[in-house]
Amino acid sequence: MKSYIYLLSPEKINGFTFYNKLNKVLKTKKIKYFQLRLKKISTSDLIKISKKIKKITNKNNVKFLVNDKPLVAKMVGADGCHIGQKDMNFANARKILGKHKIIGVTCHNSKKLALKAKKFGADYIAFGSFFKSSTKKTAFKANLGILRWAKKKINMPTVAIGGINNSNYKKILSSGANFIACSNYVWNNKKIDPVSAINKFK
């Protein structure tokens, strides 16, 4: 079965409970990437958490990416990192991580940013936000047309992000995205537990 889910961490990680849930979610074999995205945290805490997560992703054969911090990604032996437009520039991130690690780049709804990321040698690009997201304030709105354009014109892995859930993900995949990113739908779903949420993606 092809895994097309790019799972982001919740904004806060509550120790043992979270690691247990993460292990169960990754066991579904539906997740290709797991990105640790913790904005309000010290570097030392980020390293500690990353090391624990790395063991869980390794065990489940899922690629582990750290958001924003190539140095932390390198220190903990992550599979790579994800960088936004306001984070460290791509060339520096590549210098830190070396040529074999994964680096993904946020491109909002911009063809220009996507072409630039491809030129620099990004491993994947991320577009969004496609729907209203409660994880992140939506400064950029993306439309399905950019996914169709990317599939035709730049032929590299694309991740769609922003408010994606079990009722809207099919149109994202049918428009050409390779991966759907989700966070809140899985971790903060008041109706179902994380494993059931993931299993709603068929």
N, C-alpha and C. Protein backbone atom coordinates (compact mmCIF):
# COMPACT_ATOMS: atom_id res chain seq x y z
N MET A 1 0.84 -1.21 0.00
CA MET A 1 0.00 0.00 0.00
C MET A 1 0.87 1.25 0.00
N LYS A 2 0.54 2.18 -0.88
CA LYS A 2 1.33 3.41 -0.97
C LYS A 2 0.97 4.34 0.19
N SER A 3 2.00 4.82 0.89
CA SER A 3 1.68 5.76 1.98
C SER A 3 1.81 7.19 1.48
N TYR A 4 0.78 7.97 1.69
CA TYR A 4 0.78 9.33 1.15
C TYR A 4 0.52 10.37 2.24
N ILE A 5 0.68 9.96 3.51
CA ILE A 5 0.41 10.92 4.58
C ILE A 5 1.71 11.49 5.14
N TYR A 6 1.71 12.79 5.26
CA TYR A 6 2.84 13.53 5.84
C TYR A 6 2.29 14.08 7.15
N LEU A 7 2.67 13.45 8.25
CA LEU A 7 2.09 13.80 9.54
C LEU A 7 2.95 14.80 10.28
N LEU A 8 2.31 15.87 10.76
CA LEU A 8 3.03 16.84 11.59
C LEU A 8 2.68 16.61 13.05
N SER A 9 3.63 16.97 13.91
CA SER A 9 3.39 16.81 15.35
C SER A 9 2.34 17.81 15.82
N PRO A 10 1.75 17.55 16.99
CA PRO A 10 0.91 18.60 17.59
C PRO A 10 1.84 19.73 18.07
N GLU A 11 1.26 20.85 18.46
CA GLU A 11 2.10 22.00 18.86
C GLU A 11 2.75 21.80 20.22
N LYS A 12 2.14 20.93 21.04
CA LYS A 12 2.72 20.61 22.35
C LYS A 12 2.79 19.11 22.49
N ILE A 13 3.88 18.64 23.08
CA ILE A 13 4.04 17.20 23.25
C ILE A 13 4.03 16.86 24.72
N ASN A 14 3.07 16.01 25.10
CA ASN A 14 2.95 15.70 26.53
C ASN A 14 3.54 14.32 26.83
N GLY A 15 4.86 14.25 26.70
CA GLY A 15 5.64 13.08 27.11
C GLY A 15 5.12 11.73 26.70
N PHE A 16 5.08 10.83 27.67
CA PHE A 16 4.84 9.42 27.42
C PHE A 16 3.56 9.16 26.62
N THR A 17 2.48 9.85 26.97
CA THR A 17 1.20 9.66 26.28
C THR A 17 1.36 9.87 24.79
N PHE A 18 2.06 10.96 24.44
CA PHE A 18 2.24 11.27 23.02
C PHE A 18 3.06 10.19 22.32
N TYR A 19 4.18 9.78 22.92
CA TYR A 19 5.04 8.79 22.26
C TYR A 19 4.29 7.49 22.01
N ASN A 20 3.45 7.14 22.95
CA ASN A 20 2.64 5.94 22.83
C ASN A 20 1.66 6.07 21.65
N LYS A 21 1.00 7.23 21.58
CA LYS A 21 0.04 7.48 20.47
C LYS A 21 0.77 7.49 19.13
N LEU A 22 1.93 8.14 19.12
CA LEU A 22 2.69 8.24 17.87
C LEU A 22 3.06 6.84 17.36
N ASN A 23 3.53 6.00 18.24
CA ASN A 23 3.91 4.64 17.86
C ASN A 23 2.71 3.91 17.24
N LYS A 24 1.54 4.06 17.87
CA LYS A 24 0.33 3.39 17.36
C LYS A 24 -0.07 3.93 15.98
N VAL A 25 0.04 5.24 15.83
CA VAL A 25 -0.32 5.88 14.55
C VAL A 25 0.63 5.41 13.44
N LEU A 26 1.92 5.40 13.74
CA LEU A 26 2.91 5.01 12.72
C LEU A 26 2.79 3.52 12.36
N LYS A 27 2.31 2.75 13.30
CA LYS A 27 2.12 1.31 13.04
C LYS A 27 1.07 1.04 11.96
N THR A 28 0.23 2.03 11.66
CA THR A 28 -0.80 1.83 10.62
C THR A 28 -0.17 1.67 9.24
N LYS A 29 1.11 2.04 9.13
CA LYS A 29 1.85 1.96 7.85
C LYS A 29 1.31 2.91 6.79
N LYS A 30 0.57 3.93 7.22
CA LYS A 30 0.01 4.87 6.24
C LYS A 30 0.83 6.15 6.14
N ILE A 31 1.83 6.27 7.00
CA ILE A 31 2.57 7.54 7.06
C ILE A 31 3.97 7.39 6.48
N LYS A 32 4.30 8.32 5.61
CA LYS A 32 5.61 8.29 4.95
C LYS A 32 6.61 9.19 5.70
N TYR A 33 6.12 10.38 6.08
CA TYR A 33 6.98 11.35 6.77
C TYR A 33 6.33 11.78 8.09
N PHE A 34 7.18 12.01 9.08
CA PHE A 34 6.70 12.64 10.31
C PHE A 34 7.56 13.86 10.58
N GLN A 35 6.91 15.03 10.66
CA GLN A 35 7.65 16.27 10.91
C GLN A 35 7.41 16.76 12.33
N LEU A 36 8.50 17.00 13.04
CA LEU A 36 8.40 17.56 14.39
C LEU A 36 8.41 19.09 14.26
N ARG A 37 7.26 19.67 14.61
CA ARG A 37 7.12 21.13 14.46
C ARG A 37 6.75 21.72 15.82
N LEU A 38 7.77 22.14 16.56
CA LEU A 38 7.54 22.75 17.87
C LEU A 38 8.19 24.12 17.87
N LYS A 39 7.37 25.14 17.89
CA LYS A 39 7.89 26.50 17.75
C LYS A 39 8.37 27.10 19.07
N LYS A 40 7.62 26.83 20.13
CA LYS A 40 7.92 27.52 21.41
C LYS A 40 8.62 26.58 22.36
N ILE A 41 9.88 26.29 22.08
CA ILE A 41 10.58 25.29 22.88
C ILE A 41 12.08 25.55 22.81
N SER A 42 12.79 25.22 23.86
CA SER A 42 14.24 25.44 23.86
C SER A 42 14.91 24.39 22.98
N THR A 43 16.10 24.72 22.48
CA THR A 43 16.82 23.77 21.62
C THR A 43 17.14 22.48 22.36
N SER A 44 17.50 22.59 23.65
CA SER A 44 17.84 21.37 24.39
C SER A 44 16.62 20.45 24.53
N ASP A 45 15.44 21.03 24.76
CA ASP A 45 14.22 20.21 24.84
C ASP A 45 13.88 19.60 23.47
N LEU A 46 14.11 20.39 22.43
CA LEU A 46 13.83 19.91 21.08
C LEU A 46 14.71 18.70 20.76
N ILE A 47 15.96 18.76 21.17
CA ILE A 47 16.89 17.65 20.94
C ILE A 47 16.43 16.40 21.70
N LYS A 48 16.05 16.61 22.96
CA LYS A 48 15.60 15.48 23.79
C LYS A 48 14.39 14.77 23.15
N ILE A 49 13.41 15.59 22.78
CA ILE A 49 12.19 15.05 22.17
C ILE A 49 12.51 14.37 20.83
N SER A 50 13.37 15.02 20.04
CA SER A 50 13.75 14.47 18.72
C SER A 50 14.37 13.09 18.85
N LYS A 51 15.22 12.92 19.84
CA LYS A 51 15.89 11.61 20.01
C LYS A 51 14.88 10.51 20.31
N LYS A 52 13.88 10.85 21.14
CA LYS A 52 12.85 9.85 21.46
C LYS A 52 12.01 9.52 20.22
N ILE A 53 11.67 10.56 19.48
CA ILE A 53 10.85 10.35 18.28
C ILE A 53 11.61 9.54 17.23
N LYS A 54 12.89 9.83 17.12
CA LYS A 54 13.72 9.12 16.13
C LYS A 54 13.65 7.61 16.34
N LYS A 55 13.65 7.18 17.59
CA LYS A 55 13.56 5.73 17.87
C LYS A 55 12.24 5.16 17.36
N ILE A 56 11.16 5.95 17.55
CA ILE A 56 9.83 5.47 17.14
C ILE A 56 9.70 5.46 15.61
N THR A 57 10.21 6.51 14.96
CA THR A 57 10.11 6.55 13.49
C THR A 57 10.98 5.45 12.87
N ASN A 58 12.17 5.23 13.43
CA ASN A 58 13.05 4.16 12.93
C ASN A 58 12.36 2.81 12.98
N LYS A 59 11.77 2.55 14.14
CA LYS A 59 11.11 1.25 14.36
C LYS A 59 9.99 1.02 13.36
N ASN A 60 9.31 2.12 12.96
CA ASN A 60 8.17 2.01 12.05
C ASN A 60 8.50 2.35 10.61
N ASN A 61 9.80 2.54 10.35
CA ASN A 61 10.25 2.81 8.98
C ASN A 61 9.59 4.05 8.35
N VAL A 62 9.53 5.12 9.15
CA VAL A 62 8.95 6.40 8.70
C VAL A 62 10.08 7.43 8.69
N LYS A 63 10.08 8.28 7.67
CA LYS A 63 11.12 9.33 7.58
C LYS A 63 10.83 10.43 8.62
N PHE A 64 11.87 10.81 9.35
CA PHE A 64 11.72 11.81 10.41
C PHE A 64 12.38 13.13 10.01
N LEU A 65 11.57 14.19 9.98
CA LEU A 65 12.05 15.52 9.61
C LEU A 65 11.85 16.49 10.77
N VAL A 66 12.81 17.40 10.93
CA VAL A 66 12.69 18.43 11.96
C VAL A 66 12.36 19.74 11.25
N ASN A 67 11.40 20.47 11.78
CA ASN A 67 11.02 21.74 11.17
C ASN A 67 12.01 22.84 11.53
N ASP A 68 12.39 23.64 10.55
CA ASP A 68 13.20 24.88 10.78
C ASP A 68 14.65 24.71 11.20
N LYS A 69 15.02 23.57 11.77
CA LYS A 69 16.33 23.50 12.45
C LYS A 69 17.26 22.43 11.88
N PRO A 70 17.98 22.75 10.79
CA PRO A 70 18.89 21.78 10.19
C PRO A 70 19.96 21.28 11.17
N LEU A 71 20.41 22.17 12.07
CA LEU A 71 21.46 21.76 13.02
C LEU A 71 20.96 20.69 13.98
N VAL A 72 19.73 20.88 14.45
CA VAL A 72 19.13 19.87 15.34
C VAL A 72 18.93 18.57 14.56
N ALA A 73 18.44 18.69 13.33
CA ALA A 73 18.22 17.50 12.49
C ALA A 73 19.52 16.71 12.35
N LYS A 74 20.62 17.43 12.15
CA LYS A 74 21.91 16.76 12.00
C LYS A 74 22.34 16.10 13.32
N MET A 75 22.19 16.83 14.43
CA MET A 75 22.62 16.32 15.73
C MET A 75 21.91 15.03 16.13
N VAL A 76 20.63 14.95 15.80
CA VAL A 76 19.87 13.78 16.26
C VAL A 76 19.80 12.67 15.19
N GLY A 77 20.42 12.92 14.05
CA GLY A 77 20.42 11.91 12.98
C GLY A 77 19.07 11.76 12.31
N ALA A 78 18.31 12.88 12.23
CA ALA A 78 17.01 12.83 11.53
C ALA A 78 17.25 12.59 10.05
N ASP A 79 16.17 12.26 9.33
CA ASP A 79 16.30 12.01 7.89
C ASP A 79 16.40 13.31 7.10
N GLY A 80 16.08 14.44 7.76
CA GLY A 80 16.17 15.71 7.07
C GLY A 80 15.43 16.80 7.80
N CYS A 81 15.16 17.89 7.08
CA CYS A 81 14.43 18.99 7.72
C CYS A 81 13.51 19.67 6.72
N HIS A 82 12.61 20.44 7.27
CA HIS A 82 11.69 21.22 6.44
C HIS A 82 11.95 22.70 6.72
N ILE A 83 12.11 23.49 5.67
CA ILE A 83 12.36 24.92 5.90
C ILE A 83 11.29 25.80 5.25
N GLY A 84 10.91 26.83 6.00
CA GLY A 84 9.94 27.80 5.51
C GLY A 84 10.68 28.93 4.82
N GLN A 85 9.93 29.86 4.28
CA GLN A 85 10.56 30.98 3.56
C GLN A 85 11.28 31.95 4.49
N LYS A 86 10.93 31.92 5.79
CA LYS A 86 11.59 32.85 6.72
C LYS A 86 12.67 32.15 7.53
N ASP A 87 12.90 30.87 7.26
CA ASP A 87 13.91 30.13 8.01
C ASP A 87 15.26 30.26 7.32
N MET A 88 16.21 29.46 7.75
CA MET A 88 17.54 29.46 7.14
C MET A 88 17.44 29.21 5.63
N ASN A 89 18.33 29.84 4.84
CA ASN A 89 18.19 29.62 3.40
C ASN A 89 18.64 28.21 3.00
N PHE A 90 18.20 27.81 1.82
CA PHE A 90 18.37 26.43 1.40
C PHE A 90 19.84 26.02 1.31
N ALA A 91 20.66 26.88 0.74
CA ALA A 91 22.08 26.53 0.55
C ALA A 91 22.76 26.22 1.89
N ASN A 92 22.46 27.03 2.91
CA ASN A 92 23.06 26.79 4.23
C ASN A 92 22.54 25.50 4.86
N ALA A 93 21.25 25.27 4.69
CA ALA A 93 20.66 24.03 5.23
C ALA A 93 21.32 22.82 4.57
N ARG A 94 21.52 22.89 3.27
CA ARG A 94 22.15 21.78 2.54
C ARG A 94 23.59 21.57 3.00
N LYS A 95 24.27 22.69 3.25
CA LYS A 95 25.67 22.62 3.72
C LYS A 95 25.75 21.88 5.06
N ILE A 96 24.79 22.18 5.94
CA ILE A 96 24.78 21.56 7.27
C ILE A 96 24.43 20.07 7.17
N LEU A 97 23.43 19.76 6.35
CA LEU A 97 22.90 18.40 6.33
C LEU A 97 23.60 17.46 5.35
N GLY A 98 24.27 18.05 4.36
CA GLY A 98 24.90 17.19 3.35
C GLY A 98 23.91 16.78 2.27
N LYS A 99 24.42 16.18 1.22
CA LYS A 99 23.57 15.99 0.03
C LYS A 99 22.60 14.81 0.12
N HIS A 100 22.78 13.94 1.12
CA HIS A 100 21.91 12.76 1.16
C HIS A 100 20.69 12.92 2.05
N LYS A 101 20.59 14.02 2.77
CA LYS A 101 19.44 14.21 3.65
C LYS A 101 18.30 14.90 2.89
N ILE A 102 17.10 14.70 3.40
CA ILE A 102 15.90 15.28 2.76
C ILE A 102 15.74 16.73 3.21
N ILE A 103 15.52 17.62 2.25
CA ILE A 103 15.15 19.00 2.61
C ILE A 103 13.91 19.39 1.80
N GLY A 104 12.86 19.75 2.54
CA GLY A 104 11.63 20.20 1.90
C GLY A 104 11.46 21.69 2.13
N VAL A 105 10.76 22.33 1.20
CA VAL A 105 10.63 23.79 1.26
C VAL A 105 9.17 24.22 1.12
N THR A 106 8.75 25.13 1.99
CA THR A 106 7.41 25.73 1.90
C THR A 106 7.37 26.69 0.71
N CYS A 107 6.35 26.54 -0.14
CA CYS A 107 6.25 27.42 -1.32
C CYS A 107 4.90 28.16 -1.37
N HIS A 108 4.11 28.09 -0.31
CA HIS A 108 2.82 28.79 -0.22
C HIS A 108 1.94 28.47 -1.44
N ASN A 109 1.69 29.50 -2.28
CA ASN A 109 0.91 29.27 -3.50
C ASN A 109 1.68 29.86 -4.68
N SER A 110 3.01 29.73 -4.60
CA SER A 110 3.86 30.45 -5.55
C SER A 110 4.63 29.54 -6.50
N LYS A 111 4.38 29.74 -7.79
CA LYS A 111 5.11 28.98 -8.82
C LYS A 111 6.58 29.39 -8.80
N LYS A 112 6.80 30.67 -8.56
CA LYS A 112 8.17 31.19 -8.54
C LYS A 112 9.00 30.53 -7.43
N LEU A 113 8.40 30.42 -6.23
CA LEU A 113 9.12 29.79 -5.10
C LEU A 113 9.34 28.30 -5.37
N ALA A 114 8.37 27.67 -6.02
CA ALA A 114 8.51 26.24 -6.33
C ALA A 114 9.64 26.00 -7.33
N LEU A 115 9.70 26.84 -8.35
CA LEU A 115 10.77 26.70 -9.36
C LEU A 115 12.14 26.96 -8.74
N LYS A 116 12.18 27.93 -7.83
CA LYS A 116 13.43 28.24 -7.14
C LYS A 116 13.88 27.06 -6.28
N ALA A 117 12.93 26.46 -5.56
CA ALA A 117 13.24 25.30 -4.70
C ALA A 117 13.77 24.14 -5.54
N LYS A 118 13.15 23.94 -6.70
CA LYS A 118 13.61 22.85 -7.58
C LYS A 118 15.02 23.12 -8.07
N LYS A 119 15.26 24.37 -8.46
CA LYS A 119 16.58 24.76 -8.98
C LYS A 119 17.68 24.51 -7.93
N PHE A 120 17.36 24.81 -6.68
CA PHE A 120 18.35 24.63 -5.61
C PHE A 120 18.54 23.16 -5.22
N GLY A 121 17.60 22.32 -5.63
CA GLY A 121 17.74 20.89 -5.33
C GLY A 121 16.94 20.42 -4.14
N ALA A 122 15.79 21.05 -3.87
CA ALA A 122 14.92 20.58 -2.77
C ALA A 122 14.43 19.17 -3.09
N ASP A 123 14.15 18.40 -2.06
CA ASP A 123 13.67 17.04 -2.27
C ASP A 123 12.15 16.98 -2.43
N TYR A 124 11.47 17.97 -1.87
CA TYR A 124 10.03 18.08 -2.09
C TYR A 124 9.64 19.53 -1.84
N ILE A 125 8.46 19.90 -2.34
CA ILE A 125 7.94 21.24 -2.08
C ILE A 125 6.58 21.11 -1.41
N ALA A 126 6.24 22.09 -0.58
CA ALA A 126 4.95 22.06 0.12
C ALA A 126 4.14 23.29 -0.25
N PHE A 127 2.90 23.09 -0.66
CA PHE A 127 1.98 24.18 -0.99
C PHE A 127 0.87 24.25 0.06
N GLY A 128 0.36 25.43 0.30
CA GLY A 128 -0.77 25.57 1.23
C GLY A 128 -0.85 27.00 1.75
N SER A 129 -1.92 27.35 2.38
CA SER A 129 -2.90 26.45 2.99
C SER A 129 -4.12 26.28 2.06
N PHE A 130 -4.54 25.02 1.90
CA PHE A 130 -5.65 24.75 0.99
C PHE A 130 -7.01 24.99 1.64
N PHE A 131 -7.11 24.69 2.91
CA PHE A 131 -8.36 24.90 3.64
C PHE A 131 -8.04 25.65 4.92
N LYS A 132 -9.07 26.04 5.63
CA LYS A 132 -8.85 26.76 6.88
C LYS A 132 -8.15 25.84 7.87
N SER A 133 -7.03 26.32 8.41
CA SER A 133 -6.26 25.48 9.31
C SER A 133 -6.25 26.06 10.72
N SER A 134 -6.38 25.18 11.71
CA SER A 134 -6.31 25.70 13.08
C SER A 134 -4.91 25.52 13.68
N THR A 135 -4.00 24.87 12.90
CA THR A 135 -2.63 24.70 13.38
C THR A 135 -1.85 25.99 13.18
N LYS A 136 -2.15 26.65 12.08
CA LYS A 136 -1.34 27.79 11.67
C LYS A 136 -2.25 28.88 11.17
N LYS A 137 -1.96 30.12 11.53
CA LYS A 137 -2.75 31.23 10.97
C LYS A 137 -2.49 31.27 9.47
N THR A 138 -3.58 31.28 8.72
CA THR A 138 -3.44 31.17 7.27
C THR A 138 -3.14 32.52 6.62
N ALA A 139 -1.86 32.75 6.38
CA ALA A 139 -1.47 34.00 5.71
C ALA A 139 -1.54 33.80 4.20
N PHE A 140 -1.34 32.54 3.76
CA PHE A 140 -1.33 32.26 2.32
C PHE A 140 -2.39 31.22 2.00
N LYS A 141 -3.15 31.51 0.96
CA LYS A 141 -4.19 30.59 0.54
C LYS A 141 -3.70 29.94 -0.75
N ALA A 142 -3.83 28.63 -0.84
CA ALA A 142 -3.41 27.96 -2.07
C ALA A 142 -4.62 27.40 -2.79
N ASN A 143 -4.51 27.26 -4.12
CA ASN A 143 -5.63 26.66 -4.85
C ASN A 143 -5.18 25.37 -5.54
N LEU A 144 -6.15 24.55 -5.90
CA LEU A 144 -5.83 23.24 -6.47
C LEU A 144 -5.08 23.35 -7.80
N GLY A 145 -5.26 24.46 -8.47
CA GLY A 145 -4.57 24.68 -9.75
C GLY A 145 -3.06 24.58 -9.62
N ILE A 146 -2.52 25.01 -8.50
CA ILE A 146 -1.05 24.99 -8.34
C ILE A 146 -0.54 23.54 -8.26
N LEU A 147 -1.37 22.65 -7.74
CA LEU A 147 -0.97 21.23 -7.70
C LEU A 147 -0.94 20.64 -9.11
N ARG A 148 -1.96 21.01 -9.91
CA ARG A 148 -2.01 20.51 -11.29
C ARG A 148 -0.82 21.04 -12.09
N TRP A 149 -0.52 22.34 -11.86
CA TRP A 149 0.63 22.96 -12.54
C TRP A 149 1.94 22.26 -12.15
N ALA A 150 2.12 22.03 -10.85
CA ALA A 150 3.37 21.42 -10.36
C ALA A 150 3.55 20.02 -10.94
N LYS A 151 2.46 19.27 -11.01
CA LYS A 151 2.55 17.90 -11.54
C LYS A 151 3.01 17.91 -13.00
N LYS A 152 2.48 18.88 -13.75
CA LYS A 152 2.79 18.95 -15.18
C LYS A 152 4.17 19.56 -15.44
N LYS A 153 4.46 20.63 -14.69
CA LYS A 153 5.64 21.43 -15.04
C LYS A 153 6.92 21.10 -14.29
N ILE A 154 6.81 20.69 -13.01
CA ILE A 154 8.09 20.54 -12.32
C ILE A 154 8.39 19.14 -11.81
N ASN A 155 7.43 18.28 -11.90
CA ASN A 155 7.68 16.87 -11.68
C ASN A 155 8.61 16.56 -10.50
N MET A 156 8.20 16.97 -9.33
CA MET A 156 8.91 16.59 -8.11
C MET A 156 7.88 16.37 -7.01
N PRO A 157 8.21 15.66 -5.95
CA PRO A 157 7.20 15.38 -4.92
C PRO A 157 6.61 16.66 -4.31
N THR A 158 5.28 16.67 -4.21
CA THR A 158 4.60 17.83 -3.62
C THR A 158 3.76 17.40 -2.42
N VAL A 159 3.79 18.26 -1.42
CA VAL A 159 3.01 18.04 -0.21
C VAL A 159 1.97 19.15 -0.14
N ALA A 160 0.72 18.80 0.14
CA ALA A 160 -0.33 19.81 0.30
C ALA A 160 -0.63 19.92 1.79
N ILE A 161 -0.80 21.15 2.26
CA ILE A 161 -0.97 21.36 3.70
C ILE A 161 -2.09 22.37 3.97
N GLY A 162 -2.69 22.25 5.16
CA GLY A 162 -3.66 23.27 5.57
C GLY A 162 -5.09 22.77 5.64
N GLY A 163 -5.51 22.36 6.83
CA GLY A 163 -6.92 22.01 7.04
C GLY A 163 -7.37 20.75 6.33
N ILE A 164 -6.45 19.85 6.02
CA ILE A 164 -6.82 18.63 5.27
C ILE A 164 -7.35 17.57 6.24
N ASN A 165 -8.48 16.97 5.84
CA ASN A 165 -9.08 15.92 6.67
C ASN A 165 -9.67 14.83 5.79
N ASN A 166 -10.40 13.88 6.38
CA ASN A 166 -10.90 12.74 5.61
C ASN A 166 -11.99 13.12 4.62
N SER A 167 -12.57 14.32 4.75
CA SER A 167 -13.63 14.67 3.80
C SER A 167 -13.13 15.49 2.61
N ASN A 168 -11.91 15.99 2.67
CA ASN A 168 -11.44 16.82 1.54
C ASN A 168 -10.12 16.34 0.92
N TYR A 169 -9.53 15.27 1.47
CA TYR A 169 -8.20 14.88 0.98
C TYR A 169 -8.19 14.31 -0.43
N LYS A 170 -9.31 13.70 -0.85
CA LYS A 170 -9.32 13.05 -2.17
C LYS A 170 -9.14 14.05 -3.30
N LYS A 171 -9.77 15.24 -3.13
CA LYS A 171 -9.62 16.23 -4.21
C LYS A 171 -8.18 16.76 -4.29
N ILE A 172 -7.49 16.74 -3.14
CA ILE A 172 -6.08 17.18 -3.11
C ILE A 172 -5.22 16.17 -3.87
N LEU A 173 -5.43 14.88 -3.57
CA LEU A 173 -4.65 13.85 -4.25
C LEU A 173 -4.99 13.78 -5.74
N SER A 174 -6.28 13.93 -6.07
CA SER A 174 -6.64 13.84 -7.49
C SER A 174 -6.18 15.06 -8.28
N SER A 175 -5.83 16.14 -7.58
CA SER A 175 -5.30 17.33 -8.29
C SER A 175 -3.79 17.22 -8.51
N GLY A 176 -3.18 16.18 -7.94
CA GLY A 176 -1.76 15.97 -8.25
C GLY A 176 -0.79 16.00 -7.09
N ALA A 177 -1.28 16.23 -5.87
CA ALA A 177 -0.36 16.21 -4.72
C ALA A 177 0.10 14.76 -4.48
N ASN A 178 1.36 14.60 -4.09
CA ASN A 178 1.84 13.26 -3.75
C ASN A 178 1.56 12.91 -2.30
N PHE A 179 1.55 13.96 -1.45
CA PHE A 179 1.35 13.73 -0.01
C PHE A 179 0.38 14.75 0.56
N ILE A 180 -0.39 14.30 1.55
CA ILE A 180 -1.26 15.23 2.26
C ILE A 180 -0.69 15.40 3.67
N ALA A 181 -0.55 16.64 4.08
CA ALA A 181 -0.04 16.91 5.43
C ALA A 181 -1.22 17.10 6.36
N CYS A 182 -1.14 16.49 7.54
CA CYS A 182 -2.20 16.74 8.52
C CYS A 182 -1.61 16.77 9.93
N SER A 183 -2.31 17.47 10.81
CA SER A 183 -1.87 17.57 12.19
C SER A 183 -3.08 17.58 13.11
N ASN A 184 -3.81 18.71 13.11
CA ASN A 184 -4.96 18.85 14.01
C ASN A 184 -6.01 17.78 13.84
N TYR A 185 -6.28 17.41 12.59
CA TYR A 185 -7.29 16.40 12.32
C TYR A 185 -6.95 15.08 13.05
N VAL A 186 -5.66 14.82 13.21
CA VAL A 186 -5.24 13.59 13.88
C VAL A 186 -5.12 13.77 15.39
N TRP A 187 -4.40 14.82 15.81
CA TRP A 187 -4.05 14.95 17.23
C TRP A 187 -5.12 15.63 18.09
N ASN A 188 -5.90 16.52 17.47
CA ASN A 188 -6.88 17.27 18.27
C ASN A 188 -8.31 17.00 17.83
N ASN A 189 -8.54 15.79 17.37
CA ASN A 189 -9.86 15.44 16.88
C ASN A 189 -10.74 15.03 18.07
N LYS A 190 -11.77 15.81 18.31
CA LYS A 190 -12.62 15.54 19.49
C LYS A 190 -13.53 14.32 19.30
N LYS A 191 -13.69 13.92 18.04
CA LYS A 191 -14.63 12.82 17.77
C LYS A 191 -13.97 11.44 17.81
N ILE A 192 -12.71 11.39 17.34
CA ILE A 192 -12.06 10.07 17.27
C ILE A 192 -10.60 10.15 17.70
N ASP A 193 -10.05 8.99 18.03
CA ASP A 193 -8.65 8.94 18.47
C ASP A 193 -7.71 9.01 17.25
N PRO A 194 -6.42 9.28 17.45
CA PRO A 194 -5.49 9.46 16.33
C PRO A 194 -5.44 8.29 15.34
N VAL A 195 -5.44 7.05 15.85
CA VAL A 195 -5.36 5.90 14.93
C VAL A 195 -6.62 5.83 14.05
N SER A 196 -7.79 6.03 14.65
CA SER A 196 -9.04 6.01 13.87
C SER A 196 -9.04 7.14 12.85
N ALA A 197 -8.51 8.30 13.24
CA ALA A 197 -8.45 9.44 12.30
C ALA A 197 -7.60 9.09 11.08
N ILE A 198 -6.44 8.50 11.32
CA ILE A 198 -5.56 8.10 10.21
C ILE A 198 -6.24 7.05 9.34
N ASN A 199 -6.93 6.13 9.98
CA ASN A 199 -7.58 5.05 9.21
C ASN A 199 -8.76 5.52 8.37
N LYS A 200 -9.21 6.75 8.61
CA LYS A 200 -10.28 7.31 7.77
C LYS A 200 -9.75 7.65 6.36
N PHE A 201 -8.43 7.80 6.26
CA PHE A 201 -7.83 8.03 4.94
C PHE A 201 -7.69 6.68 4.26
N LYS A 202 -8.45 6.50 3.19
CA LYS A 202 -8.45 5.18 2.52
C LYS A 202 -7.45 5.16 1.38
